[in-house]
Amino acid sequence: MSKLRFAVLVLAIGCSGSAVAQVADQRGACKADYDKYCAGTLPGGGRVVACLNKQLPQLSDACKKVLASRKAQ
């Protein structure tokens, strides 16, 4: 049973690592846009995403793609 628990733990850590990497990639895609259009917006509660969505026509293509993928989820 301990081997099974260890395997589940390793799998969980691997999955969370890839999720963290995905979030980092998403933030990287929108960092310049955030700095330019939403620097005064405090993170949390969806405020940054809302700010970026208000500026959608001006955003980089990479950031637009990230925001579109968030809406699809």
PDB file of N, CA and C in Angstrom:
ATOM      1  N   MET A   1       0.817  -1.201   0.000  1.00  0.00           N
ATOM      2  CA  MET A   1       0.000   0.000   0.000  1.00  0.00           C
ATOM      3  C   MET A   1       0.856   1.259   0.000  1.00  0.00           C
ATOM      4  N   SER A   2       1.998   1.228   0.650  1.00  0.00           N
ATOM      5  CA  SER A   2       2.835   2.424   0.698  1.00  0.00           C
ATOM      6  C   SER A   2       3.389   2.766  -0.684  1.00  0.00           C
ATOM      7  N   LYS A   3       3.625   1.757  -1.538  1.00  0.00           N
ATOM      8  CA  LYS A   3       4.092   2.030  -2.898  1.00  0.00           C
ATOM      9  C   LYS A   3       3.018   2.766  -3.694  1.00  0.00           C
ATOM     10  N   LEU A   4       1.776   2.388  -3.485  1.00  0.00           N
ATOM     11  CA  LEU A   4       0.670   3.044  -4.169  1.00  0.00           C
ATOM     12  C   LEU A   4       0.555   4.499  -3.719  1.00  0.00           C
ATOM     13  N   ARG A   5       0.650   4.728  -2.440  1.00  0.00           N
ATOM     14  CA  ARG A   5       0.585   6.100  -1.927  1.00  0.00           C
ATOM     15  C   ARG A   5       1.722   6.941  -2.487  1.00  0.00           C
ATOM     16  N   PHE A   6       2.914   6.371  -2.545  1.00  0.00           N
ATOM     17  CA  PHE A   6       4.062   7.086  -3.087  1.00  0.00           C
ATOM     18  C   PHE A   6       3.832   7.433  -4.554  1.00  0.00           C
ATOM     19  N   ALA A   7       3.303   6.485  -5.317  1.00  0.00           N
ATOM     20  CA  ALA A   7       3.035   6.721  -6.740  1.00  0.00           C
ATOM     21  C   ALA A   7       2.007   7.835  -6.923  1.00  0.00           C
ATOM     22  N   VAL A   8       0.973   7.840  -6.097  1.00  0.00           N
ATOM     23  CA  VAL A   8      -0.049   8.887  -6.170  1.00  0.00           C
ATOM     24  C   VAL A   8       0.562  10.241  -5.818  1.00  0.00           C
ATOM     25  N   LEU A   9       1.411  10.267  -4.810  1.00  0.00           N
ATOM     26  CA  LEU A   9       2.070  11.504  -4.409  1.00  0.00           C
ATOM     27  C   LEU A   9       2.953  12.047  -5.531  1.00  0.00           C
ATOM     28  N   VAL A  10       3.736  11.185  -6.149  1.00  0.00           N
ATOM     29  CA  VAL A  10       4.603  11.606  -7.252  1.00  0.00           C
ATOM     30  C   VAL A  10       3.763  12.142  -8.407  1.00  0.00           C
ATOM     31  N   LEU A  11       2.675  11.479  -8.722  1.00  0.00           N
ATOM     32  CA  LEU A  11       1.792  11.925  -9.794  1.00  0.00           C
ATOM     33  C   LEU A  11       1.178  13.285  -9.463  1.00  0.00           C
ATOM     34  N   ALA A  12       0.746  13.462  -8.238  1.00  0.00           N
ATOM     35  CA  ALA A  12       0.146  14.731  -7.826  1.00  0.00           C
ATOM     36  C   ALA A  12       1.152  15.872  -7.914  1.00  0.00           C
ATOM     37  N   ILE A  13       2.366  15.624  -7.498  1.00  0.00           N
ATOM     38  CA  ILE A  13       3.399  16.658  -7.566  1.00  0.00           C
ATOM     39  C   ILE A  13       3.705  16.996  -9.020  1.00  0.00           C
ATOM     40  N   GLY A  14       3.781  16.002  -9.861  1.00  0.00           N
ATOM     41  CA  GLY A  14       4.039  16.239 -11.283  1.00  0.00           C
ATOM     42  C   GLY A  14       2.938  17.043 -11.937  1.00  0.00           C
ATOM     43  N   CYS A  15       1.704  16.747 -11.605  1.00  0.00           N
ATOM     44  CA  CYS A  15       0.578  17.477 -12.182  1.00  0.00           C
ATOM     45  C   CYS A  15       0.560  18.918 -11.705  1.00  0.00           C
ATOM     46  N   SER A  16       0.793  19.121 -10.421  1.00  0.00           N
ATOM     47  CA  SER A  16       0.764  20.483  -9.909  1.00  0.00           C
ATOM     48  C   SER A  16       1.913  21.290 -10.486  1.00  0.00           C
ATOM     49  N   GLY A  17       3.043  20.657 -10.749  1.00  0.00           N
ATOM     50  CA  GLY A  17       4.167  21.354 -11.359  1.00  0.00           C
ATOM     51  C   GLY A  17       3.843  21.836 -12.753  1.00  0.00           C
ATOM     52  N   SER A  18       3.150  21.010 -13.532  1.00  0.00           N
ATOM     53  CA  SER A  18       2.791  21.428 -14.884  1.00  0.00           C
ATOM     54  C   SER A  18       1.735  22.527 -14.847  1.00  0.00           C
ATOM     55  N   ALA A  19       0.849  22.485 -13.878  1.00  0.00           N
ATOM     56  CA  ALA A  19      -0.153  23.544 -13.738  1.00  0.00           C
ATOM     57  C   ALA A  19       0.515  24.862 -13.373  1.00  0.00           C
ATOM     58  N   VAL A  20       1.504  24.799 -12.491  1.00  0.00           N
ATOM     59  CA  VAL A  20       2.245  26.005 -12.113  1.00  0.00           C
ATOM     60  C   VAL A  20       2.973  26.571 -13.323  1.00  0.00           C
ATOM     61  N   ALA A  21       3.575  25.711 -14.124  1.00  0.00           N
ATOM     62  CA  ALA A  21       4.275  26.157 -15.327  1.00  0.00           C
ATOM     63  C   ALA A  21       3.310  26.809 -16.310  1.00  0.00           C
ATOM     64  N   GLN A  22       2.115  26.261 -16.430  1.00  0.00           N
ATOM     65  CA  GLN A  22       1.125  26.829 -17.343  1.00  0.00           C
ATOM     66  C   GLN A  22       0.716  28.224 -16.888  1.00  0.00           C
ATOM     67  N   VAL A  23       0.486  28.393 -15.596  1.00  0.00           N
ATOM     68  CA  VAL A  23       0.112  29.705 -15.067  1.00  0.00           C
ATOM     69  C   VAL A  23       1.248  30.703 -15.294  1.00  0.00           C
ATOM     70  N   ALA A  24       2.482  30.263 -15.084  1.00  0.00           N
ATOM     71  CA  ALA A  24       3.632  31.147 -15.313  1.00  0.00           C
ATOM     72  C   ALA A  24       3.704  31.568 -16.779  1.00  0.00           C
ATOM     73  N   ASP A  25       3.446  30.649 -17.696  1.00  0.00           N
ATOM     74  CA  ASP A  25       3.439  30.975 -19.124  1.00  0.00           C
ATOM     75  C   ASP A  25       2.338  31.988 -19.448  1.00  0.00           C
ATOM     76  N   GLN A  26       1.169  31.806 -18.837  1.00  0.00           N
ATOM     77  CA  GLN A  26       0.057  32.723 -19.066  1.00  0.00           C
ATOM     78  C   GLN A  26       0.396  34.119 -18.551  1.00  0.00           C
ATOM     79  N   ARG A  27       0.976  34.177 -17.369  1.00  0.00           N
ATOM     80  CA  ARG A  27       1.362  35.482 -16.822  1.00  0.00           C
ATOM     81  C   ARG A  27       2.410  36.143 -17.698  1.00  0.00           C
ATOM     82  N   GLY A  28       3.351  35.352 -18.177  1.00  0.00           N
ATOM     83  CA  GLY A  28       4.394  35.893 -19.042  1.00  0.00           C
ATOM     84  C   GLY A  28       3.828  36.474 -20.326  1.00  0.00           C
ATOM     85  N   ALA A  29       2.805  35.836 -20.866  1.00  0.00           N
ATOM     86  CA  ALA A  29       2.190  36.302 -22.113  1.00  0.00           C
ATOM     87  C   ALA A  29       1.503  37.651 -21.934  1.00  0.00           C
ATOM     88  N   CYS A  30       1.059  37.948 -20.728  1.00  0.00           N
ATOM     89  CA  CYS A  30       0.312  39.189 -20.482  1.00  0.00           C
ATOM     90  C   CYS A  30       1.081  40.213 -19.647  1.00  0.00           C
ATOM     91  N   LYS A  31       2.309  39.909 -19.262  1.00  0.00           N
ATOM     92  CA  LYS A  31       3.035  40.805 -18.360  1.00  0.00           C
ATOM     93  C   LYS A  31       3.207  42.209 -18.930  1.00  0.00           C
ATOM     94  N   ALA A  32       3.661  42.317 -20.168  1.00  0.00           N
ATOM     95  CA  ALA A  32       3.863  43.645 -20.763  1.00  0.00           C
ATOM     96  C   ALA A  32       2.543  44.405 -20.864  1.00  0.00           C
ATOM     97  N   ASP A  33       1.473  43.691 -21.210  1.00  0.00           N
ATOM     98  CA  ASP A  33       0.157  44.329 -21.298  1.00  0.00           C
ATOM     99  C   ASP A  33      -0.324  44.775 -19.919  1.00  0.00           C
ATOM    100  N   TYR A  34      -0.104  43.950 -18.915  1.00  0.00           N
ATOM    101  CA  TYR A  34      -0.463  44.323 -17.544  1.00  0.00           C
ATOM    102  C   TYR A  34       0.307  45.571 -17.133  1.00  0.00           C
ATOM    103  N   ASP A  35       1.620  45.570 -17.378  1.00  0.00           N
ATOM    104  CA  ASP A  35       2.451  46.715 -16.998  1.00  0.00           C
ATOM    105  C   ASP A  35       1.999  47.992 -17.705  1.00  0.00           C
ATOM    106  N   LYS A  36       1.574  47.866 -18.940  1.00  0.00           N
ATOM    107  CA  LYS A  36       1.186  49.039 -19.730  1.00  0.00           C
ATOM    108  C   LYS A  36      -0.217  49.545 -19.401  1.00  0.00           C
ATOM    109  N   TYR A  37      -1.178  48.632 -19.238  1.00  0.00           N
ATOM    110  CA  TYR A  37      -2.577  49.032 -19.121  1.00  0.00           C
ATOM    111  C   TYR A  37      -3.192  48.860 -17.731  1.00  0.00           C
ATOM    112  N   CYS A  38      -2.621  47.993 -16.906  1.00  0.00           N
ATOM    113  CA  CYS A  38      -3.287  47.643 -15.644  1.00  0.00           C
ATOM    114  C   CYS A  38      -2.351  47.683 -14.437  1.00  0.00           C
ATOM    115  N   ALA A  39      -1.260  48.428 -14.527  1.00  0.00           N
ATOM    116  CA  ALA A  39      -0.259  48.422 -13.453  1.00  0.00           C
ATOM    117  C   ALA A  39      -0.841  48.843 -12.104  1.00  0.00           C
ATOM    118  N   GLY A  40      -1.850  49.682 -12.099  1.00  0.00           N
ATOM    119  CA  GLY A  40      -2.447  50.133 -10.846  1.00  0.00           C
ATOM    120  C   GLY A  40      -3.501  49.193 -10.293  1.00  0.00           C
ATOM    121  N   THR A  41      -3.746  48.091 -10.962  1.00  0.00           N
ATOM    122  CA  THR A  41      -4.774  47.137 -10.543  1.00  0.00           C
ATOM    123  C   THR A  41      -4.178  46.112  -9.593  1.00  0.00           C
ATOM    124  N   LEU A  42      -4.773  45.993  -8.413  1.00  0.00           N
ATOM    125  CA  LEU A  42      -4.297  45.016  -7.435  1.00  0.00           C
ATOM    126  C   LEU A  42      -4.746  43.616  -7.827  1.00  0.00           C
ATOM    127  N   PRO A  43      -3.840  42.640  -7.790  1.00  0.00           N
ATOM    128  CA  PRO A  43      -4.206  41.255  -8.102  1.00  0.00           C
ATOM    129  C   PRO A  43      -5.201  40.689  -7.089  1.00  0.00           C
ATOM    130  N   GLY A  44      -6.016  39.772  -7.561  1.00  0.00           N
ATOM    131  CA  GLY A  44      -6.967  39.079  -6.694  1.00  0.00           C
ATOM    132  C   GLY A  44      -8.396  39.400  -7.075  1.00  0.00           C
ATOM    133  N   GLY A  45      -9.245  38.429  -6.900  1.00  0.00           N
ATOM    134  CA  GLY A  45     -10.661  38.623  -7.151  1.00  0.00           C
ATOM    135  C   GLY A  45     -11.018  38.833  -8.614  1.00  0.00           C
ATOM    136  N   GLY A  46     -10.113  38.474  -9.515  1.00  0.00           N
ATOM    137  CA  GLY A  46     -10.384  38.620 -10.938  1.00  0.00           C
ATOM    138  C   GLY A  46     -10.194  40.033 -11.468  1.00  0.00           C
ATOM    139  N   ARG A  47      -9.636  40.936 -10.639  1.00  0.00           N
ATOM    140  CA  ARG A  47      -9.486  42.333 -11.053  1.00  0.00           C
ATOM    141  C   ARG A  47      -8.532  42.505 -12.231  1.00  0.00           C
ATOM    142  N   VAL A  48      -7.425  41.781 -12.240  1.00  0.00           N
ATOM    143  CA  VAL A  48      -6.453  41.918 -13.329  1.00  0.00           C
ATOM    144  C   VAL A  48      -7.057  41.423 -14.641  1.00  0.00           C
ATOM    145  N   VAL A  49      -7.720  40.284 -14.599  1.00  0.00           N
ATOM    146  CA  VAL A  49      -8.351  39.744 -15.812  1.00  0.00           C
ATOM    147  C   VAL A  49      -9.415  40.710 -16.319  1.00  0.00           C
ATOM    148  N   ALA A  50     -10.201  41.279 -15.407  1.00  0.00           N
ATOM    149  CA  ALA A  50     -11.230  42.238 -15.808  1.00  0.00           C
ATOM    150  C   ALA A  50     -10.603  43.470 -16.455  1.00  0.00           C
ATOM    151  N   CYS A  51      -9.517  43.958 -15.875  1.00  0.00           N
ATOM    152  CA  CYS A  51      -8.821  45.108 -16.445  1.00  0.00           C
ATOM    153  C   CYS A  51      -8.298  44.788 -17.840  1.00  0.00           C
ATOM    154  N   LEU A  52      -7.657  43.634 -17.978  1.00  0.00           N
ATOM    155  CA  LEU A  52      -7.126  43.248 -19.289  1.00  0.00           C
ATOM    156  C   LEU A  52      -8.246  43.101 -20.315  1.00  0.00           C
ATOM    157  N   ASN A  53      -9.375  42.536 -19.903  1.00  0.00           N
ATOM    158  CA  ASN A  53     -10.501  42.384 -20.829  1.00  0.00           C
ATOM    159  C   ASN A  53     -11.037  43.738 -21.294  1.00  0.00           C
ATOM    160  N   LYS A  54     -10.975  44.760 -20.434  1.00  0.00           N
ATOM    161  CA  LYS A  54     -11.416  46.104 -20.824  1.00  0.00           C
ATOM    162  C   LYS A  54     -10.497  46.705 -21.890  1.00  0.00           C
ATOM    163  N   GLN A  55      -9.251  46.250 -21.910  1.00  0.00           N
ATOM    164  CA  GLN A  55      -8.259  46.766 -22.853  1.00  0.00           C
ATOM    165  C   GLN A  55      -8.043  45.820 -24.036  1.00  0.00           C
ATOM    166  N   LEU A  56      -8.926  44.880 -24.227  1.00  0.00           N
ATOM    167  CA  LEU A  56      -8.733  43.787 -25.186  1.00  0.00           C
ATOM    168  C   LEU A  56      -8.235  44.219 -26.573  1.00  0.00           C
ATOM    169  N   PRO A  57      -8.788  45.237 -27.193  1.00  0.00           N
ATOM    170  CA  PRO A  57      -8.309  45.590 -28.542  1.00  0.00           C
ATOM    171  C   PRO A  57      -6.831  45.996 -28.592  1.00  0.00           C
ATOM    172  N   GLN A  58      -6.306  46.520 -27.494  1.00  0.00           N
ATOM    173  CA  GLN A  58      -4.922  46.982 -27.468  1.00  0.00           C
ATOM    174  C   GLN A  58      -3.924  45.900 -27.071  1.00  0.00           C
ATOM    175  N   LEU A  59      -4.388  44.759 -26.576  1.00  0.00           N
ATOM    176  CA  LEU A  59      -3.498  43.734 -26.040  1.00  0.00           C
ATOM    177  C   LEU A  59      -2.732  42.997 -27.133  1.00  0.00           C
ATOM    178  N   SER A  60      -1.610  42.412 -26.731  1.00  0.00           N
ATOM    179  CA  SER A  60      -0.824  41.585 -27.649  1.00  0.00           C
ATOM    180  C   SER A  60      -1.622  40.340 -28.030  1.00  0.00           C
ATOM    181  N   ASP A  61      -1.288  39.766 -29.157  1.00  0.00           N
ATOM    182  CA  ASP A  61      -1.979  38.552 -29.606  1.00  0.00           C
ATOM    183  C   ASP A  61      -1.809  37.412 -28.607  1.00  0.00           C
ATOM    184  N   ALA A  62      -0.620  37.306 -28.005  1.00  0.00           N
ATOM    185  CA  ALA A  62      -0.372  36.234 -27.034  1.00  0.00           C
ATOM    186  C   ALA A  62      -1.275  36.378 -25.816  1.00  0.00           C
ATOM    187  N   CYS A  63      -1.442  37.593 -25.340  1.00  0.00           N
ATOM    188  CA  CYS A  63      -2.299  37.815 -24.172  1.00  0.00           C
ATOM    189  C   CYS A  63      -3.766  37.580 -24.526  1.00  0.00           C
ATOM    190  N   LYS A  64      -4.181  38.015 -25.702  1.00  0.00           N
ATOM    191  CA  LYS A  64      -5.558  37.757 -26.150  1.00  0.00           C
ATOM    192  C   LYS A  64      -5.843  36.257 -26.170  1.00  0.00           C
ATOM    193  N   LYS A  65      -4.866  35.490 -26.625  1.00  0.00           N
ATOM    194  CA  LYS A  65      -5.027  34.035 -26.686  1.00  0.00           C
ATOM    195  C   LYS A  65      -5.195  33.452 -25.284  1.00  0.00           C
ATOM    196  N   VAL A  66      -4.406  33.940 -24.335  1.00  0.00           N
ATOM    197  CA  VAL A  66      -4.515  33.465 -22.948  1.00  0.00           C
ATOM    198  C   VAL A  66      -5.892  33.798 -22.387  1.00  0.00           C
ATOM    199  N   LEU A  67      -6.353  35.013 -22.594  1.00  0.00           N
ATOM    200  CA  LEU A  67      -7.663  35.406 -22.074  1.00  0.00           C
ATOM    201  C   LEU A  67      -8.779  34.585 -22.716  1.00  0.00           C
ATOM    202  N   ALA A  68      -8.665  34.315 -24.007  1.00  0.00           N
ATOM    203  CA  ALA A  68      -9.670  33.494 -24.692  1.00  0.00           C
ATOM    204  C   ALA A  68      -9.687  32.077 -24.138  1.00  0.00           C
ATOM    205  N   SER A  69      -8.510  31.530 -23.832  1.00  0.00           N
ATOM    206  CA  SER A  69      -8.461  30.166 -23.292  1.00  0.00           C
ATOM    207  C   SER A  69      -9.041  30.114 -21.883  1.00  0.00           C
ATOM    208  N   ARG A  70      -8.891  31.182 -21.118  1.00  0.00           N
ATOM    209  CA  ARG A  70      -9.483  31.234 -19.772  1.00  0.00           C
ATOM    210  C   ARG A  70     -11.005  31.247 -19.857  1.00  0.00           C
ATOM    211  N   LYS A  71     -11.549  31.966 -20.837  1.00  0.00           N
ATOM    212  CA  LYS A  71     -13.005  32.019 -21.005  1.00  0.00           C
ATOM    213  C   LYS A  71     -13.562  30.664 -21.413  1.00  0.00           C
ATOM    214  N   ALA A  72     -12.784  29.914 -22.187  1.00  0.00           N
ATOM    215  CA  ALA A  72     -13.231  28.605 -22.672  1.00  0.00           C
ATOM    216  C   ALA A  72     -13.272  27.569 -21.556  1.00  0.00           C
ATOM    217  N   GLN A  73     -12.551  27.804 -20.477  1.00  0.00           N
ATOM    218  CA  GLN A  73     -12.486  26.811 -19.388  1.00  0.00           C
ATOM    219  C   GLN A  73     -13.651  26.891 -18.484  1.00  0.00           C
TER     220      GLN A  73
END
